[in-house]
Amino acid sequence: MSTRHSLPDPELVEVTPGVFAYIQQDGSWMVNNTGVVTGDDGSYLLVDTTSTEARNRALLAAVEKITAKDIDAEPPRALVNTHHHGDHTFGNWLMPARTPIIGHVTCREDVLAAGLVAAQVLTGPDYGRIELRPPDVTFTGSMTLHVGNRLVELHHVGPAHTRSDVVVWLPEERVLFSGDIVFAGGQPFLVEGSVAGYPQGLAAIRALEPEILVPGHGPVCRGDEVGRVLDDLTEYAAFVADVGRAGHAAGQSPLEAATAARDNRFAGWQESERLVGNLYRTYSELDGNPIDTRIPLGAVWADMVALNGGPIGCFA
């Protein structure tokens, strides 16, 4: 059970000239990374927001420093949501109305369907004021944006972590913002995505051959480290699938299967309680349910708390 109560201050890292990762350590529940992409014409693009009002206002203050622009007076060209989860979308409402919010079509659907559920189950933080604002520009496959002379590609690679997973790819700089398809140091959470589809999302990232990868949670990955992280996550997905097949065949519940398999090489990664949630999705797929079948999170969360041995900490 986690006992962490204070986290380092966020760090704004220029990963390549004019492209920034906003890194929030330690990358645990609701403590995510975001990004800023600037153009030669003074325009700029945001990749995701964060969870609490305080964290979102700190993010926007950092953006104003690097862009030398008051966001209300000179707003971002656009904000891209990599998926629907609240730690990536709860700050959408702070964008000026004239800033379009872009996401996959299922991201809009799932922001509206989920509401503020993340704040209701992860009750530790002071969320301050949060409101729903879903994407108002949606797409299905890919979309190309231009931030000044900088080319930015959006590619839907889900369902993986969620139905709506989008990566933000800068092909000339070979920089990729992965959203939560990549957790660097934490177990991925697949209950609202697909255990079968997750390796395909990782393969789509690998095929782009990024030199710098900004994960949804955890430190920036560079060079050979990118491949190692993708390899580890691919192996984790295979582990979950194997545990799921064995447990399902034996008639075990997801919690029973997760408990039996809790001593594994991935147990030291953060949020090891996610294993049971991932097994819920594995079982659903083995039962032949459609890939977008919604799994009620109440039972999943209760079993994650049981596997964790007590309440799940959230220090956003």
C-alpha atoms as a PDB file:
ATOM      1  CA  MET A   1       0.000   0.000   0.000  1.00  0.00           C
ATOM      2  CA  SER A   2       1.373   3.413  -0.938  1.00  0.00           C
ATOM      3  CA  THR A   3       2.375   5.896   1.778  1.00  0.00           C
ATOM      4  CA  ARG A   4       3.545   8.754  -0.453  1.00  0.00           C
ATOM      5  CA  HIS A   5       2.095  12.128   0.468  1.00  0.00           C
ATOM      6  CA  SER A   6       4.264  14.755  -1.234  1.00  0.00           C
ATOM      7  CA  LEU A   7       5.541  14.861  -4.765  1.00  0.00           C
ATOM      8  CA  PRO A   8       8.243  16.860  -6.564  1.00  0.00           C
ATOM      9  CA  ASP A   9       7.264  20.044  -8.376  1.00  0.00           C
ATOM     10  CA  PRO A  10       6.395  19.604 -12.067  1.00  0.00           C
ATOM     11  CA  GLU A  11       9.258  20.140 -14.490  1.00  0.00           C
ATOM     12  CA  LEU A  12       9.045  21.695 -17.939  1.00  0.00           C
ATOM     13  CA  VAL A  13      11.570  19.935 -20.189  1.00  0.00           C
ATOM     14  CA  GLU A  14      12.479  21.163 -23.684  1.00  0.00           C
ATOM     15  CA  VAL A  15      12.875  17.807 -25.442  1.00  0.00           C
ATOM     16  CA  THR A  16      13.818  19.413 -28.764  1.00  0.00           C
ATOM     17  CA  PRO A  17      13.848  23.115 -29.716  1.00  0.00           C
ATOM     18  CA  GLY A  18      10.356  24.553 -29.251  1.00  0.00           C
ATOM     19  CA  VAL A  19       8.806  21.281 -28.021  1.00  0.00           C
ATOM     20  CA  PHE A  20       8.228  20.805 -24.310  1.00  0.00           C
ATOM     21  CA  ALA A  21       7.165  18.004 -22.008  1.00  0.00           C
ATOM     22  CA  TYR A  22       5.490  19.019 -18.754  1.00  0.00           C
ATOM     23  CA  ILE A  23       6.540  16.190 -16.441  1.00  0.00           C
ATOM     24  CA  GLN A  24       4.734  15.574 -13.176  1.00  0.00           C
ATOM     25  CA  GLN A  25       6.499  13.051 -10.974  1.00  0.00           C
ATOM     26  CA  ASP A  26       5.970  10.470  -9.617  1.00  0.00           C
ATOM     27  CA  GLY A  27       3.487   9.638 -12.374  1.00  0.00           C
ATOM     28  CA  SER A  28       1.040   7.831 -10.079  1.00  0.00           C
ATOM     29  CA  TRP A  29      -2.778   8.023 -10.204  1.00  0.00           C
ATOM     30  CA  MET A  30      -3.954  11.371 -11.653  1.00  0.00           C
ATOM     31  CA  VAL A  31      -0.364  12.735 -11.854  1.00  0.00           C
ATOM     32  CA  ASN A  32       0.201  12.810 -15.597  1.00  0.00           C
ATOM     33  CA  ASN A  33       2.387  14.437 -18.233  1.00  0.00           C
ATOM     34  CA  THR A  34       1.314  17.007 -20.814  1.00  0.00           C
ATOM     35  CA  GLY A  35       3.040  18.799 -23.686  1.00  0.00           C
ATOM     36  CA  VAL A  36       3.502  22.098 -25.497  1.00  0.00           C
ATOM     37  CA  VAL A  37       4.439  22.395 -29.177  1.00  0.00           C
ATOM     38  CA  THR A  38       5.381  25.859 -30.437  1.00  0.00           C
ATOM     39  CA  GLY A  39       5.547  27.181 -33.996  1.00  0.00           C
ATOM     40  CA  ASP A  40       7.796  29.697 -35.711  1.00  0.00           C
ATOM     41  CA  ASP A  41       4.844  32.068 -36.128  1.00  0.00           C
ATOM     42  CA  GLY A  42       4.197  32.363 -32.394  1.00  0.00           C
ATOM     43  CA  SER A  43       1.366  29.833 -32.379  1.00  0.00           C
ATOM     44  CA  TYR A  44       1.354  26.901 -29.997  1.00  0.00           C
ATOM     45  CA  LEU A  45      -0.458  23.625 -29.367  1.00  0.00           C
ATOM     46  CA  LEU A  46      -1.168  21.884 -26.062  1.00  0.00           C
ATOM     47  CA  VAL A  47      -1.189  18.123 -25.592  1.00  0.00           C
ATOM     48  CA  ASP A  48      -3.580  17.203 -22.758  1.00  0.00           C
ATOM     49  CA  THR A  49      -4.361  18.945 -19.497  1.00  0.00           C
ATOM     50  CA  THR A  50      -4.111  17.510 -16.009  1.00  0.00           C
ATOM     51  CA  SER A  51      -6.291  16.616 -13.029  1.00  0.00           C
ATOM     52  CA  THR A  52      -6.916  19.208 -10.310  1.00  0.00           C
ATOM     53  CA  GLU A  53      -7.648  22.898 -10.708  1.00  0.00           C
ATOM     54  CA  ALA A  54      -4.392  23.771  -8.929  1.00  0.00           C
ATOM     55  CA  ARG A  55      -2.338  21.521 -11.191  1.00  0.00           C
ATOM     56  CA  ASN A  56      -4.055  22.863 -14.293  1.00  0.00           C
ATOM     57  CA  ARG A  57      -3.475  26.478 -13.311  1.00  0.00           C
ATOM     58  CA  ALA A  58       0.197  25.679 -12.635  1.00  0.00           C
ATOM     59  CA  LEU A  59       0.421  24.080 -16.077  1.00  0.00           C
ATOM     60  CA  LEU A  60      -1.074  27.129 -17.792  1.00  0.00           C
ATOM     61  CA  ALA A  61       1.238  29.457 -15.855  1.00  0.00           C
ATOM     62  CA  ALA A  62       4.211  27.438 -17.102  1.00  0.00           C
ATOM     63  CA  VAL A  63       2.883  27.619 -20.664  1.00  0.00           C
ATOM     64  CA  GLU A  64       2.579  31.392 -20.432  1.00  0.00           C
ATOM     65  CA  LYS A  65       6.225  31.628 -19.377  1.00  0.00           C
ATOM     66  CA  ILE A  66       7.591  29.660 -22.324  1.00  0.00           C
ATOM     67  CA  THR A  67       5.275  31.173 -24.928  1.00  0.00           C
ATOM     68  CA  ALA A  68       5.384  34.715 -23.508  1.00  0.00           C
ATOM     69  CA  LYS A  69       1.633  34.847 -24.145  1.00  0.00           C
ATOM     70  CA  ASP A  70      -1.369  35.421 -21.931  1.00  0.00           C
ATOM     71  CA  ILE A  71      -3.568  32.427 -22.702  1.00  0.00           C
ATOM     72  CA  ASP A  72      -6.796  34.415 -22.505  1.00  0.00           C
ATOM     73  CA  ALA A  73      -5.479  37.064 -24.899  1.00  0.00           C
ATOM     74  CA  GLU A  74      -3.562  34.765 -27.260  1.00  0.00           C
ATOM     75  CA  PRO A  75      -4.928  31.261 -26.749  1.00  0.00           C
ATOM     76  CA  PRO A  76      -3.449  27.984 -27.971  1.00  0.00           C
ATOM     77  CA  ARG A  77      -4.017  27.089 -31.622  1.00  0.00           C
ATOM     78  CA  ALA A  78      -5.633  23.883 -30.285  1.00  0.00           C
ATOM     79  CA  LEU A  79      -5.623  21.420 -27.404  1.00  0.00           C
ATOM     80  CA  VAL A  80      -5.334  17.723 -28.218  1.00  0.00           C
ATOM     81  CA  ASN A  81      -6.742  15.123 -25.831  1.00  0.00           C
ATOM     82  CA  THR A  82      -4.907  11.810 -26.166  1.00  0.00           C
ATOM     83  CA  HIS A  83      -7.841  10.008 -24.486  1.00  0.00           C
ATOM     84  CA  HIS A  84     -10.805  10.668 -22.215  1.00  0.00           C
ATOM     85  CA  HIS A  85      -9.505  10.090 -18.676  1.00  0.00           C
ATOM     86  CA  GLY A  86      -9.928  12.930 -16.209  1.00  0.00           C
ATOM     87  CA  ASP A  87      -6.230  13.412 -15.511  1.00  0.00           C
ATOM     88  CA  HIS A  88      -5.870  14.361 -19.188  1.00  0.00           C
ATOM     89  CA  THR A  89      -9.146  16.249 -19.689  1.00  0.00           C
ATOM     90  CA  PHE A  90     -10.266  17.855 -16.410  1.00  0.00           C
ATOM     91  CA  GLY A  91      -8.461  21.067 -17.406  1.00  0.00           C
ATOM     92  CA  ASN A  92     -10.226  21.388 -20.776  1.00  0.00           C
ATOM     93  CA  TRP A  93     -12.709  23.879 -19.320  1.00  0.00           C
ATOM     94  CA  LEU A  94      -9.900  26.357 -18.613  1.00  0.00           C
ATOM     95  CA  MET A  95      -9.223  26.782 -22.323  1.00  0.00           C
ATOM     96  CA  PRO A  96     -10.666  29.909 -23.978  1.00  0.00           C
ATOM     97  CA  ALA A  97     -13.843  29.083 -25.874  1.00  0.00           C
ATOM     98  CA  ARG A  98     -12.148  29.884 -29.193  1.00  0.00           C
ATOM     99  CA  THR A  99      -9.490  27.200 -28.667  1.00  0.00           C
ATOM    100  CA  PRO A 100     -10.729  23.992 -30.299  1.00  0.00           C
ATOM    101  CA  ILE A 101     -10.284  20.778 -28.351  1.00  0.00           C
ATOM    102  CA  ILE A 102      -9.415  17.879 -30.626  1.00  0.00           C
ATOM    103  CA  GLY A 103      -9.851  14.189 -29.887  1.00  0.00           C
ATOM    104  CA  HIS A 104     -10.969  10.911 -31.335  1.00  0.00           C
ATOM    105  CA  VAL A 105     -14.714  10.613 -31.782  1.00  0.00           C
ATOM    106  CA  THR A 106     -14.887   8.079 -28.941  1.00  0.00           C
ATOM    107  CA  CYS A 107     -12.956  10.460 -26.695  1.00  0.00           C
ATOM    108  CA  ARG A 108     -15.859  12.909 -26.857  1.00  0.00           C
ATOM    109  CA  GLU A 109     -18.339  10.106 -26.187  1.00  0.00           C
ATOM    110  CA  ASP A 110     -16.384   8.771 -23.225  1.00  0.00           C
ATOM    111  CA  VAL A 111     -15.682  12.163 -21.619  1.00  0.00           C
ATOM    112  CA  LEU A 112     -19.436  12.714 -21.549  1.00  0.00           C
ATOM    113  CA  ALA A 113     -20.206   9.170 -20.376  1.00  0.00           C
ATOM    114  CA  ALA A 114     -17.581   9.144 -17.606  1.00  0.00           C
ATOM    115  CA  GLY A 115     -18.446  12.533 -16.168  1.00  0.00           C
ATOM    116  CA  LEU A 116     -16.429  13.240 -13.024  1.00  0.00           C
ATOM    117  CA  VAL A 117     -16.179   9.595 -11.954  1.00  0.00           C
ATOM    118  CA  ALA A 118     -12.383   9.766 -11.583  1.00  0.00           C
ATOM    119  CA  ALA A 119     -12.735  12.391  -8.853  1.00  0.00           C
ATOM    120  CA  GLN A 120     -15.389  10.273  -7.171  1.00  0.00           C
ATOM    121  CA  VAL A 121     -13.276   7.110  -6.870  1.00  0.00           C
ATOM    122  CA  LEU A 122      -9.875   8.778  -6.326  1.00  0.00           C
ATOM    123  CA  THR A 123     -10.939  10.979  -3.458  1.00  0.00           C
ATOM    124  CA  GLY A 124      -7.611  11.997  -1.932  1.00  0.00           C
ATOM    125  CA  PRO A 125      -6.880  15.238  -3.818  1.00  0.00           C
ATOM    126  CA  ASP A 126      -8.515  18.642  -3.520  1.00  0.00           C
ATOM    127  CA  TYR A 127      -9.769  18.879  -7.091  1.00  0.00           C
ATOM    128  CA  GLY A 128     -10.948  22.470  -6.747  1.00  0.00           C
ATOM    129  CA  ARG A 129     -13.266  23.508  -9.545  1.00  0.00           C
ATOM    130  CA  ILE A 130     -13.612  20.966 -12.332  1.00  0.00           C
ATOM    131  CA  GLU A 131     -16.059  20.985 -15.205  1.00  0.00           C
ATOM    132  CA  LEU A 132     -16.602  18.776 -18.215  1.00  0.00           C
ATOM    133  CA  ARG A 133     -15.615  20.074 -21.628  1.00  0.00           C
ATOM    134  CA  PRO A 134     -15.373  17.297 -24.226  1.00  0.00           C
ATOM    135  CA  PRO A 135     -13.537  17.617 -27.539  1.00  0.00           C
ATOM    136  CA  ASP A 136     -15.485  19.737 -30.013  1.00  0.00           C
ATOM    137  CA  VAL A 137     -13.433  18.674 -33.055  1.00  0.00           C
ATOM    138  CA  THR A 138     -13.314  14.902 -33.571  1.00  0.00           C
ATOM    139  CA  PHE A 139     -11.809  12.509 -36.089  1.00  0.00           C
ATOM    140  CA  THR A 140     -11.580   8.774 -36.650  1.00  0.00           C
ATOM    141  CA  GLY A 141      -8.269   7.750 -38.250  1.00  0.00           C
ATOM    142  CA  SER A 142      -5.633  10.463 -38.513  1.00  0.00           C
ATOM    143  CA  MET A 143      -5.454  14.237 -38.620  1.00  0.00           C
ATOM    144  CA  THR A 144      -2.666  16.628 -39.604  1.00  0.00           C
ATOM    145  CA  LEU A 145      -2.123  19.969 -37.860  1.00  0.00           C
ATOM    146  CA  HIS A 146       0.276  22.775 -38.679  1.00  0.00           C
ATOM    147  CA  VAL A 147       1.752  24.840 -35.856  1.00  0.00           C
ATOM    148  CA  GLY A 148       3.550  27.486 -37.842  1.00  0.00           C
ATOM    149  CA  ASN A 149       5.877  25.479 -40.052  1.00  0.00           C
ATOM    150  CA  ARG A 150       5.868  22.506 -37.681  1.00  0.00           C
ATOM    151  CA  LEU A 151       4.001  19.399 -38.829  1.00  0.00           C
ATOM    152  CA  VAL A 152       1.997  17.574 -36.169  1.00  0.00           C
ATOM    153  CA  GLU A 153       0.236  14.281 -36.897  1.00  0.00           C
ATOM    154  CA  LEU A 154      -2.497  12.738 -34.781  1.00  0.00           C
ATOM    155  CA  HIS A 155      -3.001   8.992 -35.121  1.00  0.00           C
ATOM    156  CA  HIS A 156      -5.694   6.887 -33.486  1.00  0.00           C
ATOM    157  CA  VAL A 157      -4.019   3.681 -32.285  1.00  0.00           C
ATOM    158  CA  GLY A 158      -6.694   2.321 -29.934  1.00  0.00           C
ATOM    159  CA  PRO A 159      -8.427   0.538 -28.494  1.00  0.00           C
ATOM    160  CA  ALA A 160      -5.484  -0.057 -26.194  1.00  0.00           C
ATOM    161  CA  HIS A 161      -5.431   1.896 -22.939  1.00  0.00           C
ATOM    162  CA  THR A 162      -8.895   3.220 -23.897  1.00  0.00           C
ATOM    163  CA  ARG A 163     -11.065   3.228 -27.017  1.00  0.00           C
ATOM    164  CA  SER A 164      -9.885   6.714 -27.918  1.00  0.00           C
ATOM    165  CA  ASP A 165      -6.082   6.521 -27.722  1.00  0.00           C
ATOM    166  CA  VAL A 166      -4.380   9.080 -29.951  1.00  0.00           C
ATOM    167  CA  VAL A 167      -0.638   9.649 -30.265  1.00  0.00           C
ATOM    168  CA  VAL A 168       0.776  13.040 -31.189  1.00  0.00           C
ATOM    169  CA  TRP A 169       3.650  12.579 -33.627  1.00  0.00           C
ATOM    170  CA  LEU A 170       6.153  15.164 -34.832  1.00  0.00           C
ATOM    171  CA  PRO A 171       7.724  13.336 -37.789  1.00  0.00           C
ATOM    172  CA  GLU A 172      10.476  15.847 -38.544  1.00  0.00           C
ATOM    173  CA  GLU A 173      11.650  15.994 -34.927  1.00  0.00           C
ATOM    174  CA  ARG A 174      10.855  12.306 -34.297  1.00  0.00           C
ATOM    175  CA  VAL A 175       9.128  13.197 -31.029  1.00  0.00           C
ATOM    176  CA  LEU A 176       6.043  11.319 -29.902  1.00  0.00           C
ATOM    177  CA  PHE A 177       3.540  12.088 -27.142  1.00  0.00           C
ATOM    178  CA  SER A 178       2.067   8.682 -26.376  1.00  0.00           C
ATOM    179  CA  GLY A 179      -0.661   9.503 -23.875  1.00  0.00           C
ATOM    180  CA  ASP A 180      -1.313   6.592 -21.542  1.00  0.00           C
ATOM    181  CA  ILE A 181      -0.435   3.865 -23.992  1.00  0.00           C
ATOM    182  CA  VAL A 182       2.984   4.212 -22.370  1.00  0.00           C
ATOM    183  CA  PHE A 183       3.419   4.259 -18.604  1.00  0.00           C
ATOM    184  CA  ALA A 184       7.153   4.484 -17.870  1.00  0.00           C
ATOM    185  CA  GLY A 185       7.579   2.688 -14.547  1.00  0.00           C
ATOM    186  CA  GLY A 186       3.900   1.985 -13.937  1.00  0.00           C
ATOM    187  CA  GLN A 187       1.555  -0.821 -14.900  1.00  0.00           C
ATOM    188  CA  PRO A 188      -0.726   0.189 -17.783  1.00  0.00           C
ATOM    189  CA  PHE A 189      -4.474   0.258 -17.111  1.00  0.00           C
ATOM    190  CA  LEU A 190      -6.469  -1.548 -19.770  1.00  0.00           C
ATOM    191  CA  VAL A 191      -9.927  -2.086 -18.285  1.00  0.00           C
ATOM    192  CA  GLU A 192     -11.421   0.607 -20.546  1.00  0.00           C
ATOM    193  CA  GLY A 193      -9.365  -0.422 -23.548  1.00  0.00           C
ATOM    194  CA  SER A 194      -8.252  -3.804 -24.842  1.00  0.00           C
ATOM    195  CA  VAL A 195      -5.727  -6.370 -23.656  1.00  0.00           C
ATOM    196  CA  ALA A 196      -5.685  -7.846 -27.165  1.00  0.00           C
ATOM    197  CA  GLY A 197      -5.417  -4.416 -28.758  1.00  0.00           C
ATOM    198  CA  TYR A 198      -2.752  -3.007 -26.445  1.00  0.00           C
ATOM    199  CA  PRO A 199       0.227  -4.723 -28.134  1.00  0.00           C
ATOM    200  CA  GLN A 200      -1.049  -3.394 -31.465  1.00  0.00           C
ATOM    201  CA  GLY A 201      -0.997   0.144 -30.068  1.00  0.00           C
ATOM    202  CA  LEU A 202       2.567  -0.388 -28.891  1.00  0.00           C
ATOM    203  CA  ALA A 203       3.505  -1.783 -32.318  1.00  0.00           C
ATOM    204  CA  ALA A 204       2.043   1.298 -34.006  1.00  0.00           C
ATOM    205  CA  ILE A 205       4.269   3.486 -31.840  1.00  0.00           C
ATOM    206  CA  ARG A 206       7.311   1.317 -32.564  1.00  0.00           C
ATOM    207  CA  ALA A 207       6.658   1.544 -36.308  1.00  0.00           C
ATOM    208  CA  LEU A 208       6.988   5.329 -36.165  1.00  0.00           C
ATOM    209  CA  GLU A 209      10.526   4.906 -34.748  1.00  0.00           C
ATOM    210  CA  PRO A 210      10.434   7.823 -32.294  1.00  0.00           C
ATOM    211  CA  GLU A 211      13.737   9.041 -30.944  1.00  0.00           C
ATOM    212  CA  ILE A 212      12.078  10.833 -28.028  1.00  0.00           C
ATOM    213  CA  LEU A 213       8.913   9.523 -26.372  1.00  0.00           C
ATOM    214  CA  VAL A 214       6.920  11.493 -23.802  1.00  0.00           C
ATOM    215  CA  PRO A 215       4.805   8.955 -21.886  1.00  0.00           C
ATOM    216  CA  GLY A 216       1.481   9.722 -20.280  1.00  0.00           C
ATOM    217  CA  HIS A 217       3.085   9.004 -16.900  1.00  0.00           C
ATOM    218  CA  GLY A 218       6.749   8.745 -15.974  1.00  0.00           C
ATOM    219  CA  PRO A 219      10.023  10.182 -17.273  1.00  0.00           C
ATOM    220  CA  VAL A 220      10.820  11.063 -20.889  1.00  0.00           C
ATOM    221  CA  CYS A 221      12.338   8.175 -22.847  1.00  0.00           C
ATOM    222  CA  ARG A 222      15.146   8.757 -25.350  1.00  0.00           C
ATOM    223  CA  GLY A 223      17.096   6.672 -27.842  1.00  0.00           C
ATOM    224  CA  ASP A 224      17.435   2.981 -27.006  1.00  0.00           C
ATOM    225  CA  GLU A 225      15.348   3.510 -23.873  1.00  0.00           C
ATOM    226  CA  VAL A 226      12.265   3.918 -26.076  1.00  0.00           C
ATOM    227  CA  GLY A 227      12.617   0.388 -27.409  1.00  0.00           C
ATOM    228  CA  ARG A 228      13.277  -1.065 -23.964  1.00  0.00           C
ATOM    229  CA  VAL A 229      10.125   0.513 -22.520  1.00  0.00           C
ATOM    230  CA  LEU A 230       8.025  -0.707 -25.437  1.00  0.00           C
ATOM    231  CA  ASP A 231       9.518  -4.194 -25.054  1.00  0.00           C
ATOM    232  CA  ASP A 232       8.696  -4.260 -21.333  1.00  0.00           C
ATOM    233  CA  LEU A 233       5.111  -3.141 -21.915  1.00  0.00           C
ATOM    234  CA  THR A 234       4.654  -5.715 -24.678  1.00  0.00           C
ATOM    235  CA  GLU A 235       5.877  -8.419 -22.324  1.00  0.00           C
ATOM    236  CA  TYR A 236       3.511  -7.136 -19.631  1.00  0.00           C
ATOM    237  CA  ALA A 237       0.566  -7.430 -22.022  1.00  0.00           C
ATOM    238  CA  ALA A 238       1.558 -11.031 -22.801  1.00  0.00           C
ATOM    239  CA  PHE A 239       1.794 -11.752 -19.069  1.00  0.00           C
ATOM    240  CA  VAL A 240      -1.714 -10.368 -18.447  1.00  0.00           C
ATOM    241  CA  ALA A 241      -3.097 -12.396 -21.366  1.00  0.00           C
ATOM    242  CA  ASP A 242      -1.462 -15.591 -20.059  1.00  0.00           C
ATOM    243  CA  VAL A 243      -2.736 -15.078 -16.504  1.00  0.00           C
ATOM    244  CA  GLY A 244      -6.162 -14.264 -17.870  1.00  0.00           C
ATOM    245  CA  ARG A 245      -6.378 -17.388 -20.031  1.00  0.00           C
ATOM    246  CA  ALA A 246      -5.280 -19.643 -17.189  1.00  0.00           C
ATOM    247  CA  GLY A 247      -7.567 -18.047 -14.619  1.00  0.00           C
ATOM    248  CA  HIS A 248     -10.540 -17.975 -16.964  1.00  0.00           C
ATOM    249  CA  ALA A 249     -10.082 -21.655 -17.835  1.00  0.00           C
ATOM    250  CA  ALA A 250      -9.801 -22.563 -14.141  1.00  0.00           C
ATOM    251  CA  GLY A 251     -12.987 -20.722 -13.256  1.00  0.00           C
ATOM    252  CA  GLN A 252     -11.176 -18.188 -11.050  1.00  0.00           C
ATOM    253  CA  SER A 253     -12.507 -14.687 -10.584  1.00  0.00           C
ATOM    254  CA  PRO A 254     -10.252 -11.865 -11.820  1.00  0.00           C
ATOM    255  CA  LEU A 255      -9.329 -11.113  -8.192  1.00  0.00           C
ATOM    256  CA  GLU A 256      -8.469 -14.749  -7.500  1.00  0.00           C
ATOM    257  CA  ALA A 257      -6.322 -14.940 -10.633  1.00  0.00           C
ATOM    258  CA  ALA A 258      -4.574 -11.659  -9.816  1.00  0.00           C
ATOM    259  CA  THR A 259      -3.914 -12.731  -6.231  1.00  0.00           C
ATOM    260  CA  ALA A 260      -2.419 -16.032  -7.355  1.00  0.00           C
ATOM    261  CA  ALA A 261      -0.145 -14.239  -9.835  1.00  0.00           C
ATOM    262  CA  ARG A 262       0.748 -11.213  -7.723  1.00  0.00           C
ATOM    263  CA  ASP A 263       4.409 -12.253  -7.311  1.00  0.00           C
ATOM    264  CA  ASN A 264       5.708 -11.521 -10.797  1.00  0.00           C
ATOM    265  CA  ARG A 265       8.471  -9.519 -12.420  1.00  0.00           C
ATOM    266  CA  PHE A 266       6.170  -6.537 -12.930  1.00  0.00           C
ATOM    267  CA  ALA A 267       5.042  -6.349  -9.294  1.00  0.00           C
ATOM    268  CA  GLY A 268       7.559  -3.597  -8.545  1.00  0.00           C
ATOM    269  CA  TRP A 269       5.999  -1.266 -11.086  1.00  0.00           C
ATOM    270  CA  GLN A 270       3.684   1.399  -9.697  1.00  0.00           C
ATOM    271  CA  GLU A 271      -0.026   0.660  -9.385  1.00  0.00           C
ATOM    272  CA  SER A 272       0.332  -3.129  -9.298  1.00  0.00           C
ATOM    273  CA  GLU A 273      -3.347  -3.270  -8.290  1.00  0.00           C
ATOM    274  CA  ARG A 274      -4.164  -2.558 -11.935  1.00  0.00           C
ATOM    275  CA  LEU A 275      -3.510  -6.215 -12.701  1.00  0.00           C
ATOM    276  CA  VAL A 276      -6.972  -7.207 -11.510  1.00  0.00           C
ATOM    277  CA  GLY A 277      -8.612  -4.479 -13.597  1.00  0.00           C
ATOM    278  CA  ASN A 278      -6.697  -5.671 -16.627  1.00  0.00           C
ATOM    279  CA  LEU A 279      -7.904  -9.206 -15.992  1.00  0.00           C
ATOM    280  CA  TYR A 280     -11.504  -8.008 -16.014  1.00  0.00           C
ATOM    281  CA  ARG A 281     -10.919  -6.815 -19.581  1.00  0.00           C
ATOM    282  CA  THR A 282      -9.110 -10.044 -20.481  1.00  0.00           C
ATOM    283  CA  TYR A 283     -12.051 -12.111 -19.249  1.00  0.00           C
ATOM    284  CA  SER A 284     -14.506  -9.935 -21.183  1.00  0.00           C
ATOM    285  CA  GLU A 285     -12.548 -10.518 -24.374  1.00  0.00           C
ATOM    286  CA  LEU A 286     -12.269 -14.252 -23.705  1.00  0.00           C
ATOM    287  CA  ASP A 287     -16.042 -14.340 -23.238  1.00  0.00           C
ATOM    288  CA  GLY A 288     -16.366 -12.984 -26.778  1.00  0.00           C
ATOM    289  CA  ASN A 289     -17.817  -9.614 -25.811  1.00  0.00           C
ATOM    290  CA  PRO A 290     -17.455  -6.749 -28.299  1.00  0.00           C
ATOM    291  CA  ILE A 291     -14.238  -4.801 -27.945  1.00  0.00           C
ATOM    292  CA  ASP A 292     -16.070  -1.683 -26.753  1.00  0.00           C
ATOM    293  CA  THR A 293     -18.103  -3.426 -24.047  1.00  0.00           C
ATOM    294  CA  ARG A 294     -18.245  -1.193 -20.969  1.00  0.00           C
ATOM    295  CA  ILE A 295     -17.177  -2.902 -17.751  1.00  0.00           C
ATOM    296  CA  PRO A 296     -18.771  -1.378 -14.604  1.00  0.00           C
ATOM    297  CA  LEU A 297     -15.926   0.214 -12.663  1.00  0.00           C
ATOM    298  CA  GLY A 298     -17.483  -0.215  -9.201  1.00  0.00           C
ATOM    299  CA  ALA A 299     -16.695  -3.929  -8.897  1.00  0.00           C
ATOM    300  CA  VAL A 300     -13.341  -3.466 -10.607  1.00  0.00           C
ATOM    301  CA  TRP A 301     -12.327  -0.730  -8.183  1.00  0.00           C
ATOM    302  CA  ALA A 302     -13.404  -2.774  -5.143  1.00  0.00           C
ATOM    303  CA  ASP A 303     -11.249  -5.680  -6.295  1.00  0.00           C
ATOM    304  CA  MET A 304      -8.305  -3.357  -6.966  1.00  0.00           C
ATOM    305  CA  VAL A 305      -8.600  -2.036  -3.410  1.00  0.00           C
ATOM    306  CA  ALA A 306      -8.665  -5.638  -2.151  1.00  0.00           C
ATOM    307  CA  LEU A 307      -5.556  -6.557  -4.139  1.00  0.00           C
ATOM    308  CA  ASN A 308      -3.856  -3.393  -2.903  1.00  0.00           C
ATOM    309  CA  GLY A 309      -4.641  -4.338   0.691  1.00  0.00           C
ATOM    310  CA  GLY A 310      -6.448  -1.103   1.417  1.00  0.00           C
ATOM    311  CA  PRO A 311      -7.483   2.237  -0.113  1.00  0.00           C
ATOM    312  CA  ILE A 312      -5.625   3.257  -3.263  1.00  0.00           C
ATOM    313  CA  GLY A 313      -3.590   6.395  -2.697  1.00  0.00           C
ATOM    314  CA  CYS A 314      -3.896   9.393  -4.983  1.00  0.00           C
ATOM    315  CA  PHE A 315      -1.650  12.354  -4.306  1.00  0.00           C
ATOM    316  CA  ALA A 316      -2.566  14.726  -7.104  1.00  0.00           C
END
